[in-house]
Each structure stands twice: as structure tokens, then as C-alpha cells.
Amino acid sequence: MQPIDSVYTDIRDIAGLCRESETAADMGFTGKLTIHPDQIEVVNAAFTPSAEEIERAEILVRAFDENRREGKMAFTFEGSMVDVPHLKRAEQLLAIAAQIAAQNS
């Protein structure tokens, strides 16, 4: 099950919608409900992984593969401890990016 954020009701406040959508994405939500067509582009932008996020996720997945071969399921990555939940989030981000790329091609 993927968490989806609720609607932002002030349809004229695009800046507020943008802030709230970015916060929800940072918190791990995978999308946001909209109530007006003008909100769709803003919400899609907030929940579309950036090139930097995609690159970091790819590097993390490769690092996991290398560490797994050494029997490690937790290790230090970019100065922080990572483990299986981080791998799952990276894989989820890459799957979302692939779906978006397929829809746009």
C-alpha cells in the first residue's frame, strides 16, 4: 500500500500547494489527491524523482549489491547508516521513475 496525501483545498494558492506537495513527497508520500485541473502539474512535479534522486538511488542499489555479496545488509553510505528499508525506498523511486519515463516516451 502506498500513502497518498489528501487534497489541498485552496485552488488559487499554487505556491502553498507546491510547498505542501514537496513536504508530502519528502515525508514518503507517493502522490497527492487533486480537486482542480490547475493542481495536477504542480503535484506531478513534486512527486517526480529528480535526476539527482534517480542517480543516488542507482548508486545506493549498486552499493547494496556489493555489500550483500560480502554478507552485509547494513553499511555506511554517504556518511549515514543504510539498511533494507533504504534499499526498498531506492527501488521504489527507480520504479516510479521508470513508469514516468515509459509514459512520456
PDB file of N, CA and C in Angstrom:
ATOM      1  N   MET A   1       0.839  -1.160   0.000  1.00  0.00           N
ATOM      2  CA  MET A   1       0.000   0.000   0.000  1.00  0.00           C
ATOM      3  C   MET A   1       0.896   1.239   0.000  1.00  0.00           C
ATOM      4  N   GLN A   2       0.562   2.188  -0.840  1.00  0.00           N
ATOM      5  CA  GLN A   2       1.334   3.420  -0.960  1.00  0.00           C
ATOM      6  C   GLN A   2       0.556   4.583  -0.343  1.00  0.00           C
ATOM      7  N   PRO A   3       1.200   5.393   0.504  1.00  0.00           N
ATOM      8  CA  PRO A   3       0.498   6.526   1.110  1.00  0.00           C
ATOM      9  C   PRO A   3       0.290   7.657   0.101  1.00  0.00           C
ATOM     10  N   ILE A   4      -0.938   8.157   0.047  1.00  0.00           N
ATOM     11  CA  ILE A   4      -1.316   9.266  -0.834  1.00  0.00           C
ATOM     12  C   ILE A   4      -1.779  10.421   0.058  1.00  0.00           C
ATOM     13  N   ASP A   5      -1.253  11.604  -0.180  1.00  0.00           N
ATOM     14  CA  ASP A   5      -1.619  12.776   0.608  1.00  0.00           C
ATOM     15  C   ASP A   5      -3.004  13.280   0.197  1.00  0.00           C
ATOM     16  N   SER A   6      -3.680  13.923   1.139  1.00  0.00           N
ATOM     17  CA  SER A   6      -5.026  14.443   0.877  1.00  0.00           C
ATOM     18  C   SER A   6      -4.968  15.736   0.066  1.00  0.00           C
ATOM     19  N   VAL A   7      -6.136  16.226  -0.307  1.00  0.00           N
ATOM     20  CA  VAL A   7      -6.245  17.391  -1.190  1.00  0.00           C
ATOM     21  C   VAL A   7      -5.804  18.674  -0.492  1.00  0.00           C
ATOM     22  N   TYR A   8      -5.390  19.621  -1.307  1.00  0.00           N
ATOM     23  CA  TYR A   8      -5.113  20.992  -0.872  1.00  0.00           C
ATOM     24  C   TYR A   8      -6.289  21.803  -1.395  1.00  0.00           C
ATOM     25  N   THR A   9      -7.096  22.343  -0.496  1.00  0.00           N
ATOM     26  CA  THR A   9      -8.392  22.890  -0.903  1.00  0.00           C
ATOM     27  C   THR A   9      -8.363  24.302  -1.470  1.00  0.00           C
ATOM     28  N   ASP A  10      -7.309  25.064  -1.214  1.00  0.00           N
ATOM     29  CA  ASP A  10      -7.250  26.431  -1.740  1.00  0.00           C
ATOM     30  C   ASP A  10      -6.725  26.378  -3.172  1.00  0.00           C
ATOM     31  N   ILE A  11      -7.633  26.257  -4.127  1.00  0.00           N
ATOM     32  CA  ILE A  11      -7.228  26.029  -5.521  1.00  0.00           C
ATOM     33  C   ILE A  11      -6.516  27.221  -6.142  1.00  0.00           C
ATOM     34  N   ARG A  12      -6.584  28.385  -5.520  1.00  0.00           N
ATOM     35  CA  ARG A  12      -5.884  29.565  -6.058  1.00  0.00           C
ATOM     36  C   ARG A  12      -4.468  29.708  -5.515  1.00  0.00           C
ATOM     37  N   ASP A  13      -4.143  28.988  -4.456  1.00  0.00           N
ATOM     38  CA  ASP A  13      -2.831  29.106  -3.802  1.00  0.00           C
ATOM     39  C   ASP A  13      -1.879  28.037  -4.341  1.00  0.00           C
ATOM     40  N   ILE A  14      -1.342  28.286  -5.517  1.00  0.00           N
ATOM     41  CA  ILE A  14      -0.453  27.322  -6.165  1.00  0.00           C
ATOM     42  C   ILE A  14       0.859  27.192  -5.391  1.00  0.00           C
ATOM     43  N   ALA A  15       1.382  28.296  -4.849  1.00  0.00           N
ATOM     44  CA  ALA A  15       2.628  28.235  -4.073  1.00  0.00           C
ATOM     45  C   ALA A  15       2.448  27.367  -2.829  1.00  0.00           C
ATOM     46  N   GLY A  16       1.311  27.512  -2.159  1.00  0.00           N
ATOM     47  CA  GLY A  16       1.025  26.683  -0.988  1.00  0.00           C
ATOM     48  C   GLY A  16       0.892  25.219  -1.356  1.00  0.00           C
ATOM     49  N   LEU A  17       0.240  24.955  -2.475  1.00  0.00           N
ATOM     50  CA  LEU A  17       0.109  23.578  -2.966  1.00  0.00           C
ATOM     51  C   LEU A  17       1.484  22.992  -3.249  1.00  0.00           C
ATOM     52  N   CYS A  18       2.349  23.776  -3.860  1.00  0.00           N
ATOM     53  CA  CYS A  18       3.706  23.323  -4.178  1.00  0.00           C
ATOM     54  C   CYS A  18       4.460  22.970  -2.896  1.00  0.00           C
ATOM     55  N   ARG A  19       4.422  23.854  -1.905  1.00  0.00           N
ATOM     56  CA  ARG A  19       5.109  23.601  -0.626  1.00  0.00           C
ATOM     57  C   ARG A  19       4.568  22.344   0.045  1.00  0.00           C
ATOM     58  N   GLU A  20       3.241  22.227   0.107  1.00  0.00           N
ATOM     59  CA  GLU A  20       2.637  21.080   0.775  1.00  0.00           C
ATOM     60  C   GLU A  20       2.950  19.782   0.034  1.00  0.00           C
ATOM     61  N   SER A  21       2.944  19.830  -1.294  1.00  0.00           N
ATOM     62  CA  SER A  21       3.252  18.638  -2.089  1.00  0.00           C
ATOM     63  C   SER A  21       4.698  18.208  -1.891  1.00  0.00           C
ATOM     64  N   GLU A  22       5.618  19.168  -1.890  1.00  0.00           N
ATOM     65  CA  GLU A  22       7.036  18.844  -1.679  1.00  0.00           C
ATOM     66  C   GLU A  22       7.264  18.270  -0.287  1.00  0.00           C
ATOM     67  N   THR A  23       6.577  18.813   0.709  1.00  0.00           N
ATOM     68  CA  THR A  23       6.687  18.285   2.070  1.00  0.00           C
ATOM     69  C   THR A  23       6.174  16.854   2.128  1.00  0.00           C
ATOM     70  N   ALA A  24       5.036  16.604   1.498  1.00  0.00           N
ATOM     71  CA  ALA A  24       4.476  15.250   1.486  1.00  0.00           C
ATOM     72  C   ALA A  24       5.419  14.275   0.791  1.00  0.00           C
ATOM     73  N   ALA A  25       6.006  14.692  -0.320  1.00  0.00           N
ATOM     74  CA  ALA A  25       6.958  13.827  -1.030  1.00  0.00           C
ATOM     75  C   ALA A  25       8.170  13.539  -0.144  1.00  0.00           C
ATOM     76  N   ASP A  26       8.669  14.554   0.552  1.00  0.00           N
ATOM     77  CA  ASP A  26       9.813  14.366   1.456  1.00  0.00           C
ATOM     78  C   ASP A  26       9.476  13.419   2.601  1.00  0.00           C
ATOM     79  N   MET A  27       8.205  13.378   3.003  1.00  0.00           N
ATOM     80  CA  MET A  27       7.768  12.507   4.091  1.00  0.00           C
ATOM     81  C   MET A  27       7.520  11.073   3.629  1.00  0.00           C
ATOM     82  N   GLY A  28       7.616  10.825   2.327  1.00  0.00           N
ATOM     83  CA  GLY A  28       7.440   9.465   1.828  1.00  0.00           C
ATOM     84  C   GLY A  28       6.112   9.186   1.159  1.00  0.00           C
ATOM     85  N   PHE A  29       5.245  10.195   1.069  1.00  0.00           N
ATOM     86  CA  PHE A  29       4.008  10.001   0.327  1.00  0.00           C
ATOM     87  C   PHE A  29       4.360   9.794  -1.143  1.00  0.00           C
ATOM     88  N   THR A  30       3.552   9.016  -1.837  1.00  0.00           N
ATOM     89  CA  THR A  30       3.854   8.720  -3.240  1.00  0.00           C
ATOM     90  C   THR A  30       2.971   9.493  -4.208  1.00  0.00           C
ATOM     91  N   GLY A  31       2.062  10.285  -3.698  1.00  0.00           N
ATOM     92  CA  GLY A  31       1.191  11.080  -4.543  1.00  0.00           C
ATOM     93  C   GLY A  31       0.306  11.964  -3.694  1.00  0.00           C
ATOM     94  N   LYS A  32      -0.532  12.735  -4.373  1.00  0.00           N
ATOM     95  CA  LYS A  32      -1.437  13.663  -3.686  1.00  0.00           C
ATOM     96  C   LYS A  32      -2.715  13.769  -4.498  1.00  0.00           C
ATOM     97  N   LEU A  33      -3.835  13.748  -3.813  1.00  0.00           N
ATOM     98  CA  LEU A  33      -5.118  13.934  -4.477  1.00  0.00           C
ATOM     99  C   LEU A  33      -5.259  15.387  -4.916  1.00  0.00           C
ATOM    100  N   THR A  34      -5.926  15.606  -6.034  1.00  0.00           N
ATOM    101  CA  THR A  34      -6.183  16.961  -6.518  1.00  0.00           C
ATOM    102  C   THR A  34      -7.685  17.153  -6.694  1.00  0.00           C
ATOM    103  N   ILE A  35      -8.113  18.420  -6.654  1.00  0.00           N
ATOM    104  CA  ILE A  35      -9.530  18.719  -6.854  1.00  0.00           C
ATOM    105  C   ILE A  35      -9.748  19.692  -8.000  1.00  0.00           C
ATOM    106  N   HIS A  36      -8.662  20.123  -8.640  1.00  0.00           N
ATOM    107  CA  HIS A  36      -8.791  21.074  -9.739  1.00  0.00           C
ATOM    108  C   HIS A  36      -7.699  20.791 -10.762  1.00  0.00           C
ATOM    109  N   PRO A  37      -8.024  20.899 -12.047  1.00  0.00           N
ATOM    110  CA  PRO A  37      -7.012  20.618 -13.082  1.00  0.00           C
ATOM    111  C   PRO A  37      -5.735  21.447 -12.952  1.00  0.00           C
ATOM    112  N   ASP A  38      -5.832  22.671 -12.433  1.00  0.00           N
ATOM    113  CA  ASP A  38      -4.640  23.509 -12.282  1.00  0.00           C
ATOM    114  C   ASP A  38      -3.643  22.938 -11.268  1.00  0.00           C
ATOM    115  N   GLN A  39      -4.081  22.005 -10.446  1.00  0.00           N
ATOM    116  CA  GLN A  39      -3.210  21.428  -9.425  1.00  0.00           C
ATOM    117  C   GLN A  39      -2.370  20.263  -9.950  1.00  0.00           C
ATOM    118  N   ILE A  40      -2.779  19.659 -11.039  1.00  0.00           N
ATOM    119  CA  ILE A  40      -2.155  18.415 -11.499  1.00  0.00           C
ATOM    120  C   ILE A  40      -0.674  18.584 -11.820  1.00  0.00           C
ATOM    121  N   GLU A  41      -0.326  19.584 -12.592  1.00  0.00           N
ATOM    122  CA  GLU A  41       1.074  19.775 -12.993  1.00  0.00           C
ATOM    123  C   GLU A  41       1.975  20.012 -11.780  1.00  0.00           C
ATOM    124  N   VAL A  42       1.500  20.799 -10.832  1.00  0.00           N
ATOM    125  CA  VAL A  42       2.279  21.100  -9.625  1.00  0.00           C
ATOM    126  C   VAL A  42       2.517  19.830  -8.817  1.00  0.00           C
ATOM    127  N   VAL A  43       1.471  19.048  -8.638  1.00  0.00           N
ATOM    128  CA  VAL A  43       1.584  17.813  -7.862  1.00  0.00           C
ATOM    129  C   VAL A  43       2.492  16.816  -8.580  1.00  0.00           C
ATOM    130  N   ASN A  44       2.313  16.665  -9.879  1.00  0.00           N
ATOM    131  CA  ASN A  44       3.177  15.744 -10.630  1.00  0.00           C
ATOM    132  C   ASN A  44       4.642  16.141 -10.504  1.00  0.00           C
ATOM    133  N   ALA A  45       4.923  17.429 -10.571  1.00  0.00           N
ATOM    134  CA  ALA A  45       6.313  17.892 -10.456  1.00  0.00           C
ATOM    135  C   ALA A  45       6.899  17.545  -9.089  1.00  0.00           C
ATOM    136  N   ALA A  46       6.106  17.689  -8.044  1.00  0.00           N
ATOM    137  CA  ALA A  46       6.605  17.424  -6.693  1.00  0.00           C
ATOM    138  C   ALA A  46       6.906  15.949  -6.465  1.00  0.00           C
ATOM    139  N   PHE A  47       6.162  15.079  -7.127  1.00  0.00           N
ATOM    140  CA  PHE A  47       6.318  13.643  -6.889  1.00  0.00           C
ATOM    141  C   PHE A  47       7.120  12.935  -7.975  1.00  0.00           C
ATOM    142  N   THR A  48       7.663  13.683  -8.922  1.00  0.00           N
ATOM    143  CA  THR A  48       8.517  13.102  -9.953  1.00  0.00           C
ATOM    144  C   THR A  48       9.960  13.145  -9.464  1.00  0.00           C
ATOM    145  N   PRO A  49      10.625  11.993  -9.396  1.00  0.00           N
ATOM    146  CA  PRO A  49      12.015  11.990  -8.926  1.00  0.00           C
ATOM    147  C   PRO A  49      12.917  12.837  -9.826  1.00  0.00           C
ATOM    148  N   SER A  50      13.806  13.589  -9.207  1.00  0.00           N
ATOM    149  CA  SER A  50      14.766  14.402  -9.962  1.00  0.00           C
ATOM    150  C   SER A  50      15.883  13.507 -10.501  1.00  0.00           C
ATOM    151  N   ALA A  51      16.643  14.035 -11.432  1.00  0.00           N
ATOM    152  CA  ALA A  51      17.784  13.287 -11.980  1.00  0.00           C
ATOM    153  C   ALA A  51      18.772  12.939 -10.866  1.00  0.00           C
ATOM    154  N   GLU A  52      18.973  13.857  -9.930  1.00  0.00           N
ATOM    155  CA  GLU A  52      19.886  13.609  -8.816  1.00  0.00           C
ATOM    156  C   GLU A  52      19.366  12.493  -7.912  1.00  0.00           C
ATOM    157  N   GLU A  53      18.061  12.488  -7.645  1.00  0.00           N
ATOM    158  CA  GLU A  53      17.478  11.430  -6.813  1.00  0.00           C
ATOM    159  C   GLU A  53      17.597  10.073  -7.500  1.00  0.00           C
ATOM    160  N   ILE A  54      17.376  10.053  -8.802  1.00  0.00           N
ATOM    161  CA  ILE A  54      17.493   8.803  -9.559  1.00  0.00           C
ATOM    162  C   ILE A  54      18.930   8.299  -9.513  1.00  0.00           C
ATOM    163  N   GLU A  55      19.886   9.196  -9.744  1.00  0.00           N
ATOM    164  CA  GLU A  55      21.297   8.796  -9.722  1.00  0.00           C
ATOM    165  C   GLU A  55      21.699   8.264  -8.350  1.00  0.00           C
ATOM    166  N   ARG A  56      21.283   8.947  -7.290  1.00  0.00           N
ATOM    167  CA  ARG A  56      21.616   8.496  -5.933  1.00  0.00           C
ATOM    168  C   ARG A  56      20.998   7.132  -5.657  1.00  0.00           C
ATOM    169  N   ALA A  57      19.766   6.916  -6.080  1.00  0.00           N
ATOM    170  CA  ALA A  57      19.109   5.623  -5.869  1.00  0.00           C
ATOM    171  C   ALA A  57      19.844   4.514  -6.618  1.00  0.00           C
ATOM    172  N   GLU A  58      20.269   4.790  -7.834  1.00  0.00           N
ATOM    173  CA  GLU A  58      21.015   3.791  -8.611  1.00  0.00           C
ATOM    174  C   GLU A  58      22.333   3.439  -7.919  1.00  0.00           C
ATOM    175  N   ILE A  59      23.023   4.447  -7.408  1.00  0.00           N
ATOM    176  CA  ILE A  59      24.289   4.211  -6.706  1.00  0.00           C
ATOM    177  C   ILE A  59      24.047   3.411  -5.430  1.00  0.00           C
ATOM    178  N   LEU A  60      22.981   3.739  -4.709  1.00  0.00           N
ATOM    179  CA  LEU A  60      22.658   3.017  -3.478  1.00  0.00           C
ATOM    180  C   LEU A  60      22.344   1.554  -3.768  1.00  0.00           C
ATOM    181  N   VAL A  61      21.577   1.277  -4.808  1.00  0.00           N
ATOM    182  CA  VAL A  61      21.246  -0.110  -5.160  1.00  0.00           C
ATOM    183  C   VAL A  61      22.524  -0.879  -5.501  1.00  0.00           C
ATOM    184  N   ARG A  62      23.421  -0.259  -6.265  1.00  0.00           N
ATOM    185  CA  ARG A  62      24.695  -0.922  -6.596  1.00  0.00           C
ATOM    186  C   ARG A  62      25.523  -1.176  -5.330  1.00  0.00           C
ATOM    187  N   ALA A  63      25.553  -0.193  -4.429  1.00  0.00           N
ATOM    188  CA  ALA A  63      26.294  -0.363  -3.178  1.00  0.00           C
ATOM    189  C   ALA A  63      25.700  -1.497  -2.346  1.00  0.00           C
ATOM    190  N   PHE A  64      24.384  -1.617  -2.360  1.00  0.00           N
ATOM    191  CA  PHE A  64      23.742  -2.712  -1.643  1.00  0.00           C
ATOM    192  C   PHE A  64      24.148  -4.049  -2.228  1.00  0.00           C
ATOM    193  N   ASP A  65      24.169  -4.144  -3.549  1.00  0.00           N
ATOM    194  CA  ASP A  65      24.575  -5.393  -4.196  1.00  0.00           C
ATOM    195  C   ASP A  65      25.993  -5.777  -3.787  1.00  0.00           C
ATOM    196  N   GLU A  66      26.896  -4.805  -3.798  1.00  0.00           N
ATOM    197  CA  GLU A  66      28.291  -5.066  -3.418  1.00  0.00           C
ATOM    198  C   GLU A  66      28.389  -5.511  -1.959  1.00  0.00           C
ATOM    199  N   ASN A  67      27.703  -4.819  -1.070  1.00  0.00           N
ATOM    200  CA  ASN A  67      27.763  -5.161   0.351  1.00  0.00           C
ATOM    201  C   ASN A  67      27.063  -6.474   0.655  1.00  0.00           C
ATOM    202  N   ARG A  68      26.004  -6.780  -0.057  1.00  0.00           N
ATOM    203  CA  ARG A  68      25.290  -8.041   0.146  1.00  0.00           C
ATOM    204  C   ARG A  68      26.208  -9.222  -0.176  1.00  0.00           C
ATOM    205  N   ARG A  69      27.021  -9.073  -1.238  1.00  0.00           N
ATOM    206  CA  ARG A  69      27.963 -10.139  -1.595  1.00  0.00           C
ATOM    207  C   ARG A  69      28.972 -10.392  -0.472  1.00  0.00           C
ATOM    208  N   GLU A  70      29.222  -9.374   0.330  1.00  0.00           N
ATOM    209  CA  GLU A  70      30.126  -9.503   1.480  1.00  0.00           C
ATOM    210  C   GLU A  70      29.372  -9.903   2.748  1.00  0.00           C
ATOM    211  N   GLY A  71      28.080 -10.178   2.617  1.00  0.00           N
ATOM    212  CA  GLY A  71      27.276 -10.597   3.758  1.00  0.00           C
ATOM    213  C   GLY A  71      26.743  -9.462   4.612  1.00  0.00           C
ATOM    214  N   LYS A  72      26.831  -8.235   4.121  1.00  0.00           N
ATOM    215  CA  LYS A  72      26.365  -7.071   4.885  1.00  0.00           C
ATOM    216  C   LYS A  72      24.999  -6.615   4.375  1.00  0.00           C
ATOM    217  N   MET A  73      24.065  -6.445   5.301  1.00  0.00           N
ATOM    218  CA  MET A  73      22.747  -5.913   4.952  1.00  0.00           C
ATOM    219  C   MET A  73      22.549  -4.512   5.526  1.00  0.00           C
ATOM    220  N   ALA A  74      23.561  -4.022   6.227  1.00  0.00           N
ATOM    221  CA  ALA A  74      23.589  -2.640   6.716  1.00  0.00           C
ATOM    222  C   ALA A  74      25.028  -2.158   6.565  1.00  0.00           C
ATOM    223  N   PHE A  75      25.178  -0.906   6.144  1.00  0.00           N
ATOM    224  CA  PHE A  75      26.511  -0.362   5.914  1.00  0.00           C
ATOM    225  C   PHE A  75      26.419   1.158   5.874  1.00  0.00           C
ATOM    226  N   THR A  76      27.574   1.804   5.790  1.00  0.00           N
ATOM    227  CA  THR A  76      27.622   3.262   5.714  1.00  0.00           C
ATOM    228  C   THR A  76      27.599   3.689   4.255  1.00  0.00           C
ATOM    229  N   PHE A  77      26.695   4.623   3.944  1.00  0.00           N
ATOM    230  CA  PHE A  77      26.553   5.152   2.588  1.00  0.00           C
ATOM    231  C   PHE A  77      26.454   6.661   2.692  1.00  0.00           C
ATOM    232  N   GLU A  78      27.380   7.354   2.062  1.00  0.00           N
ATOM    233  CA  GLU A  78      27.413   8.819   2.099  1.00  0.00           C
ATOM    234  C   GLU A  78      27.346   9.349   3.530  1.00  0.00           C
ATOM    235  N   GLY A  79      28.050   8.668   4.436  1.00  0.00           N
ATOM    236  CA  GLY A  79      28.149   9.122   5.813  1.00  0.00           C
ATOM    237  C   GLY A  79      27.020   8.710   6.737  1.00  0.00           C
ATOM    238  N   SER A  80      26.042   7.959   6.222  1.00  0.00           N
ATOM    239  CA  SER A  80      24.915   7.521   7.052  1.00  0.00           C
ATOM    240  C   SER A  80      24.742   6.012   6.960  1.00  0.00           C
ATOM    241  N   MET A  81      24.207   5.434   8.032  1.00  0.00           N
ATOM    242  CA  MET A  81      23.905   4.019   8.024  1.00  0.00           C
ATOM    243  C   MET A  81      22.677   3.775   7.147  1.00  0.00           C
ATOM    244  N   VAL A  82      22.750   2.764   6.286  1.00  0.00           N
ATOM    245  CA  VAL A  82      21.603   2.367   5.471  1.00  0.00           C
ATOM    246  C   VAL A  82      21.375   0.877   5.651  1.00  0.00           C
ATOM    247  N   ASP A  83      20.120   0.467   5.471  1.00  0.00           N
ATOM    248  CA  ASP A  83      19.779  -0.948   5.537  1.00  0.00           C
ATOM    249  C   ASP A  83      18.627  -1.216   4.580  1.00  0.00           C
ATOM    250  N   VAL A  84      17.955  -2.334   4.752  1.00  0.00           N
ATOM    251  CA  VAL A  84      16.965  -2.790   3.773  1.00  0.00           C
ATOM    252  C   VAL A  84      15.855  -1.771   3.502  1.00  0.00           C
ATOM    253  N   PRO A  85      15.293  -1.076   4.488  1.00  0.00           N
ATOM    254  CA  PRO A  85      14.269  -0.083   4.153  1.00  0.00           C
ATOM    255  C   PRO A  85      14.772   0.998   3.190  1.00  0.00           C
ATOM    256  N   HIS A  86      16.036   1.379   3.308  1.00  0.00           N
ATOM    257  CA  HIS A  86      16.609   2.352   2.373  1.00  0.00           C
ATOM    258  C   HIS A  86      16.690   1.761   0.966  1.00  0.00           C
ATOM    259  N   LEU A  87      17.061   0.491   0.887  1.00  0.00           N
ATOM    260  CA  LEU A  87      17.101  -0.189  -0.411  1.00  0.00           C
ATOM    261  C   LEU A  87      15.712  -0.224  -1.027  1.00  0.00           C
ATOM    262  N   LYS A  88      14.714  -0.585  -0.236  1.00  0.00           N
ATOM    263  CA  LYS A  88      13.338  -0.667  -0.754  1.00  0.00           C
ATOM    264  C   LYS A  88      12.867   0.693  -1.264  1.00  0.00           C
ATOM    265  N   ARG A  89      13.193   1.756  -0.541  1.00  0.00           N
ATOM    266  CA  ARG A  89      12.799   3.105  -0.976  1.00  0.00           C
ATOM    267  C   ARG A  89      13.504   3.472  -2.272  1.00  0.00           C
ATOM    268  N   ALA A  90      14.787   3.135  -2.392  1.00  0.00           N
ATOM    269  CA  ALA A  90      15.525   3.423  -3.629  1.00  0.00           C
ATOM    270  C   ALA A  90      14.924   2.648  -4.797  1.00  0.00           C
ATOM    271  N   GLU A  91      14.590   1.389  -4.572  1.00  0.00           N
ATOM    272  CA  GLU A  91      13.984   0.581  -5.633  1.00  0.00           C
ATOM    273  C   GLU A  91      12.620   1.138  -6.029  1.00  0.00           C
ATOM    274  N   GLN A  92      11.852   1.601  -5.041  1.00  0.00           N
ATOM    275  CA  GLN A  92      10.546   2.199  -5.319  1.00  0.00           C
ATOM    276  C   GLN A  92      10.710   3.470  -6.148  1.00  0.00           C
ATOM    277  N   LEU A  93      11.666   4.300  -5.787  1.00  0.00           N
ATOM    278  CA  LEU A  93      11.915   5.534  -6.529  1.00  0.00           C
ATOM    279  C   LEU A  93      12.297   5.220  -7.975  1.00  0.00           C
ATOM    280  N   LEU A  94      13.141   4.218  -8.177  1.00  0.00           N
ATOM    281  CA  LEU A  94      13.547   3.846  -9.537  1.00  0.00           C
ATOM    282  C   LEU A  94      12.370   3.283 -10.332  1.00  0.00           C
ATOM    283  N   ALA A  95      11.484   2.549  -9.671  1.00  0.00           N
ATOM    284  CA  ALA A  95      10.302   2.021 -10.355  1.00  0.00           C
ATOM    285  C   ALA A  95       9.374   3.158 -10.783  1.00  0.00           C
ATOM    286  N   ILE A  96       9.189   4.138  -9.920  1.00  0.00           N
ATOM    287  CA  ILE A  96       8.361   5.298 -10.261  1.00  0.00           C
ATOM    288  C   ILE A  96       8.975   6.051 -11.432  1.00  0.00           C
ATOM    289  N   ALA A  97      10.285   6.262 -11.383  1.00  0.00           N
ATOM    290  CA  ALA A  97      10.972   6.966 -12.475  1.00  0.00           C
ATOM    291  C   ALA A  97      10.819   6.210 -13.789  1.00  0.00           C
ATOM    292  N   ALA A  98      10.903   4.891 -13.746  1.00  0.00           N
ATOM    293  CA  ALA A  98      10.750   4.085 -14.961  1.00  0.00           C
ATOM    294  C   ALA A  98       9.331   4.186 -15.510  1.00  0.00           C
ATOM    295  N   GLN A  99       8.339   4.174 -14.634  1.00  0.00           N
ATOM    296  CA  GLN A  99       6.948   4.312 -15.077  1.00  0.00           C
ATOM    297  C   GLN A  99       6.717   5.665 -15.733  1.00  0.00           C
ATOM    298  N   ILE A 100       7.245   6.707 -15.136  1.00  0.00           N
ATOM    299  CA  ILE A 100       7.089   8.053 -15.700  1.00  0.00           C
ATOM    300  C   ILE A 100       7.777   8.136 -17.053  1.00  0.00           C
ATOM    301  N   ALA A 101       8.980   7.586 -17.152  1.00  0.00           N
ATOM    302  CA  ALA A 101       9.715   7.604 -18.423  1.00  0.00           C
ATOM    303  C   ALA A 101       8.948   6.844 -19.502  1.00  0.00           C
ATOM    304  N   ALA A 102       8.350   5.718 -19.137  1.00  0.00           N
ATOM    305  CA  ALA A 102       7.584   4.931 -20.107  1.00  0.00           C
ATOM    306  C   ALA A 102       6.342   5.692 -20.576  1.00  0.00           C
ATOM    307  N   GLN A 103       5.690   6.401 -19.673  1.00  0.00           N
ATOM    308  CA  GLN A 103       4.502   7.177 -20.040  1.00  0.00           C
ATOM    309  C   GLN A 103       4.857   8.354 -20.935  1.00  0.00           C
ATOM    310  N   ASN A 104       6.051   8.899 -20.756  1.00  0.00           N
ATOM    311  CA  ASN A 104       6.464  10.073 -21.523  1.00  0.00           C
ATOM    312  C   ASN A 104       7.130   9.733 -22.848  1.00  0.00           C
ATOM    313  N   SER A 105       7.329   8.449 -23.121  1.00  0.00           N
ATOM    314  CA  SER A 105       8.000   8.089 -24.383  1.00  0.00           C
ATOM    315  C   SER A 105       7.011   7.652 -25.441  1.00  0.00           C
TER     316      SER A 105
END
